[in-house]
Amino acid sequence: MARMKFLCDAERCIECNGCITACKNENDVPWGINRRRVVTLKDGVPGEKSISVACMHCTDAPCQAVCPVDCFSTTPDGVVLHNKDICIGCGYCFYACPFGAPQFPQNEAFGVRGKMDKCTYCAGGPETADGSEEEKRKYGSNRIAEGKLPLCAEMCATKALLAGDSDQISQTYTSRVMQRGGRPQTWGWSSAYGE
């Protein structure tokens, strides 16, 4: 079974924010929430790099581990989804996530800030029928059910943002590293996770 993942090639990202715009437009993301953001490393100094960051749909997701009401689920493809009907807005997931993916529509106290929102990998939601109007309203587009990749990756002008099966992404990135003069063991699922 494929493990769906994101990878941003920092050598290619030009900080155009096309991925952010594509996500917001495709999914009608509420004001104040960014399911994806571009982070600049070493801003203003030689060696500056930018990367596009969102939910990385972790294999052992810390947000899922700390949720007191079990509103997270992982699809067979490895996409971590969040059920807004079960969420109580406690914020534990926000503090557990190393990528800052969970977002809240308001900066208020517990229970008043609203339901958490995060990247769905354009896979819709966990409890609604694929492609339903309710699913689109709550979670955004379900491009995965249509056989498409997340729009953020498809709209990336430099193809810095890769999405899809982790093995294929690893092969693509490895070939890019090799073309740049890197070593074959520099990247890969087995290097990162020892499998």
Protein backbone atom coordinates (compact mmCIF):
# COMPACT_ATOMS: atom_id res chain seq x y z
CA MET A 1 0.00 0.00 0.00
CA ALA A 2 1.29 3.45 -0.90
CA ARG A 3 2.22 5.93 1.80
CA MET A 4 1.20 9.40 0.64
CA LYS A 5 3.71 12.07 1.64
CA PHE A 6 4.89 15.61 0.87
CA LEU A 7 8.48 16.65 0.26
CA CYS A 8 9.71 20.16 -0.53
CA ASP A 9 12.98 20.47 -2.43
CA ALA A 10 14.62 23.52 -0.84
CA GLU A 11 16.95 23.87 -3.83
CA ARG A 12 13.93 24.53 -6.09
CA CYS A 13 11.50 26.51 -3.92
CA ILE A 14 11.44 30.19 -4.96
CA GLU A 15 9.01 31.39 -2.24
CA CYS A 16 6.32 32.32 -4.78
CA ASN A 17 3.52 31.20 -2.39
CA GLY A 18 1.64 29.55 -5.27
CA CYS A 19 1.08 26.47 -3.09
CA ILE A 20 -0.58 28.57 -0.39
CA THR A 21 -2.85 30.35 -2.87
CA ALA A 22 -3.81 27.09 -4.58
CA CYS A 23 -4.73 25.48 -1.25
CA LYS A 24 -6.77 28.44 -0.03
CA ASN A 25 -8.68 28.75 -3.31
CA GLU A 26 -9.33 25.04 -3.83
CA ASN A 27 -10.47 24.34 -0.28
CA ASP A 28 -12.17 27.60 0.74
CA VAL A 29 -9.90 27.77 3.79
CA PRO A 30 -11.33 30.12 6.46
CA TRP A 31 -9.77 33.53 7.05
CA GLY A 32 -6.84 33.38 9.47
CA ILE A 33 -6.02 29.74 8.74
CA ASN A 34 -3.12 28.61 6.55
CA ARG A 35 -3.07 24.90 5.87
CA ARG A 36 0.25 25.46 4.09
CA ARG A 37 2.93 28.11 4.57
CA VAL A 38 6.35 28.91 3.13
CA VAL A 39 9.18 29.18 5.65
CA THR A 40 12.47 30.88 4.79
CA LEU A 41 15.61 29.54 6.45
CA LYS A 42 18.65 31.84 6.91
CA ASP A 43 16.58 34.77 5.67
CA GLY A 44 18.73 37.50 4.13
CA VAL A 45 22.06 35.70 4.40
CA PRO A 46 24.01 33.60 1.88
CA GLY A 47 22.57 30.11 1.69
CA GLU A 48 18.97 31.28 2.18
CA LYS A 49 16.44 28.53 1.40
CA SER A 50 12.66 28.35 1.41
CA ILE A 51 10.44 25.34 2.04
CA SER A 52 6.71 24.82 1.84
CA VAL A 53 5.37 23.30 5.06
CA ALA A 54 2.01 21.73 5.94
CA CYS A 55 0.81 18.61 7.70
CA MET A 56 3.33 15.91 6.82
CA HIS A 57 0.82 13.10 7.46
CA CYS A 58 3.20 11.39 9.85
CA THR A 59 3.34 7.61 10.06
CA ASP A 60 3.06 7.85 13.85
CA ALA A 61 1.29 11.21 14.09
CA PRO A 62 1.84 13.00 17.43
CA CYS A 63 -1.42 14.97 16.96
CA GLN A 64 -3.30 11.68 16.79
CA ALA A 65 -1.51 10.33 19.87
CA VAL A 66 -2.40 13.27 22.12
CA CYS A 67 -6.01 13.86 21.04
CA PRO A 68 -8.25 13.14 24.06
CA VAL A 69 -11.35 12.44 21.92
CA ASP A 70 -9.70 10.41 19.12
CA CYS A 71 -10.87 12.69 16.33
CA PHE A 72 -7.90 11.76 14.10
CA SER A 73 -7.76 8.79 11.77
CA THR A 74 -5.24 7.53 9.24
CA THR A 75 -6.38 6.26 5.85
CA PRO A 76 -4.87 3.12 4.32
CA ASP A 77 -2.79 5.48 2.14
CA GLY A 78 -1.28 7.10 5.24
CA VAL A 79 -3.24 10.38 5.09
CA VAL A 80 -4.00 11.73 8.59
CA LEU A 81 -7.55 13.11 8.69
CA HIS A 82 -9.37 15.05 11.38
CA ASN A 83 -13.08 14.76 12.24
CA LYS A 84 -14.50 18.23 12.93
CA ASP A 85 -17.68 16.78 14.44
CA ILE A 86 -15.72 15.10 17.24
CA CYS A 87 -13.06 17.81 17.81
CA ILE A 88 -13.50 19.80 21.04
CA GLY A 89 -10.91 22.47 20.22
CA CYS A 90 -8.60 21.66 23.13
CA GLY A 91 -5.41 22.51 21.22
CA TYR A 92 -3.33 19.50 22.30
CA CYS A 93 -2.71 18.61 18.66
CA PHE A 94 -1.43 22.14 17.99
CA TYR A 95 1.23 21.80 20.69
CA ALA A 96 2.17 18.23 19.74
CA CYS A 97 2.71 18.86 16.01
CA PRO A 98 6.33 19.68 15.14
CA PHE A 99 5.19 21.31 11.86
CA GLY A 100 2.54 23.64 13.31
CA ALA A 101 -0.08 22.10 11.03
CA PRO A 102 -3.19 22.24 13.27
CA GLN A 103 -4.74 25.71 13.13
CA PHE A 104 -7.69 27.32 14.89
CA PRO A 105 -9.98 29.98 13.38
CA GLN A 106 -9.83 32.18 16.50
CA ASN A 107 -7.26 32.98 19.17
CA GLU A 108 -9.63 32.47 22.07
CA ALA A 109 -9.72 30.24 25.14
CA PHE A 110 -10.42 26.51 25.14
CA GLY A 111 -13.79 25.63 23.63
CA VAL A 112 -14.31 29.11 22.14
CA ARG A 113 -11.59 29.07 19.47
CA GLY A 114 -13.56 26.71 17.21
CA LYS A 115 -12.73 23.42 15.57
CA MET A 116 -9.19 22.68 14.51
CA ASP A 117 -8.36 22.79 10.80
CA LYS A 118 -5.42 21.23 8.99
CA CYS A 119 -4.21 20.00 5.62
CA THR A 120 -6.30 17.06 4.41
CA TYR A 121 -3.93 16.15 1.54
CA CYS A 122 -6.94 17.07 -0.62
CA ALA A 123 -8.54 13.79 0.54
CA GLY A 124 -11.73 15.32 1.98
CA GLY A 125 -12.90 14.30 5.40
CA PRO A 126 -13.12 11.07 7.37
CA GLU A 127 -16.86 10.77 8.00
CA THR A 128 -18.57 12.02 4.84
CA ALA A 129 -19.25 10.45 1.45
CA ASP A 130 -16.59 11.12 -1.18
CA GLY A 131 -17.39 14.25 -3.14
CA SER A 132 -20.44 15.30 -1.12
CA GLU A 133 -21.27 18.98 -0.63
CA GLU A 134 -20.99 18.53 3.15
CA GLU A 135 -17.46 17.13 2.75
CA LYS A 136 -16.42 20.06 0.51
CA ARG A 137 -17.89 22.62 2.94
CA LYS A 138 -16.16 21.14 6.01
CA TYR A 139 -12.86 19.85 4.62
CA GLY A 140 -12.40 21.13 1.07
CA SER A 141 -11.92 19.27 -2.18
CA ASN A 142 -11.46 15.51 -2.41
CA ARG A 143 -9.00 15.40 -5.29
CA ILE A 144 -7.61 12.03 -4.17
CA ALA A 145 -11.00 10.38 -4.86
CA GLU A 146 -10.79 11.88 -8.36
CA GLY A 147 -7.36 10.31 -8.88
CA LYS A 148 -5.52 13.65 -8.61
CA LEU A 149 -2.73 14.90 -6.37
CA PRO A 150 -3.10 17.77 -3.90
CA LEU A 151 -3.44 21.05 -5.79
CA CYS A 152 -0.58 22.71 -3.89
CA ALA A 153 1.88 20.25 -5.45
CA GLU A 154 0.29 20.35 -8.89
CA MET A 155 0.47 24.16 -8.95
CA CYS A 156 4.12 24.37 -7.87
CA ALA A 157 5.80 26.18 -10.78
CA THR A 158 9.28 24.79 -10.07
CA LYS A 159 8.09 21.34 -8.97
CA ALA A 160 9.79 21.92 -5.63
CA LEU A 161 6.75 20.56 -3.77
CA LEU A 162 6.36 16.86 -4.43
CA ALA A 163 3.32 14.83 -3.36
CA GLY A 164 2.36 11.21 -3.83
CA ASP A 165 3.64 7.75 -3.00
CA SER A 166 6.64 8.10 -0.68
CA ASP A 167 8.69 5.57 -2.67
CA GLN A 168 8.22 7.52 -5.92
CA ILE A 169 8.97 10.82 -4.20
CA SER A 170 12.13 9.30 -2.74
CA GLN A 171 13.23 8.13 -6.20
CA THR A 172 12.53 11.54 -7.73
CA TYR A 173 14.41 13.37 -4.99
CA THR A 174 17.32 10.91 -5.07
CA SER A 175 17.73 11.46 -8.82
CA ARG A 176 17.71 15.25 -8.26
CA VAL A 177 20.37 14.94 -5.56
CA MET A 178 22.48 12.74 -7.85
CA GLN A 179 22.22 15.30 -10.66
CA ARG A 180 23.46 17.95 -8.19
CA GLY A 181 26.46 15.77 -7.30
CA GLY A 182 25.14 14.14 -4.12
CA ARG A 183 25.51 10.57 -2.90
CA PRO A 184 22.80 7.89 -3.43
CA GLN A 185 22.55 7.11 0.30
CA THR A 186 21.77 10.76 1.07
CA TRP A 187 18.03 10.28 0.91
CA GLY A 188 15.39 7.56 1.05
CA TRP A 189 12.85 5.86 3.24
CA SER A 190 15.38 3.28 4.44
CA SER A 191 17.93 5.99 5.29
CA ALA A 192 15.40 8.00 7.24
CA TYR A 193 13.54 5.16 8.97
CA GLY A 194 15.93 2.21 8.86
CA GLU A 195 13.50 -0.13 7.08
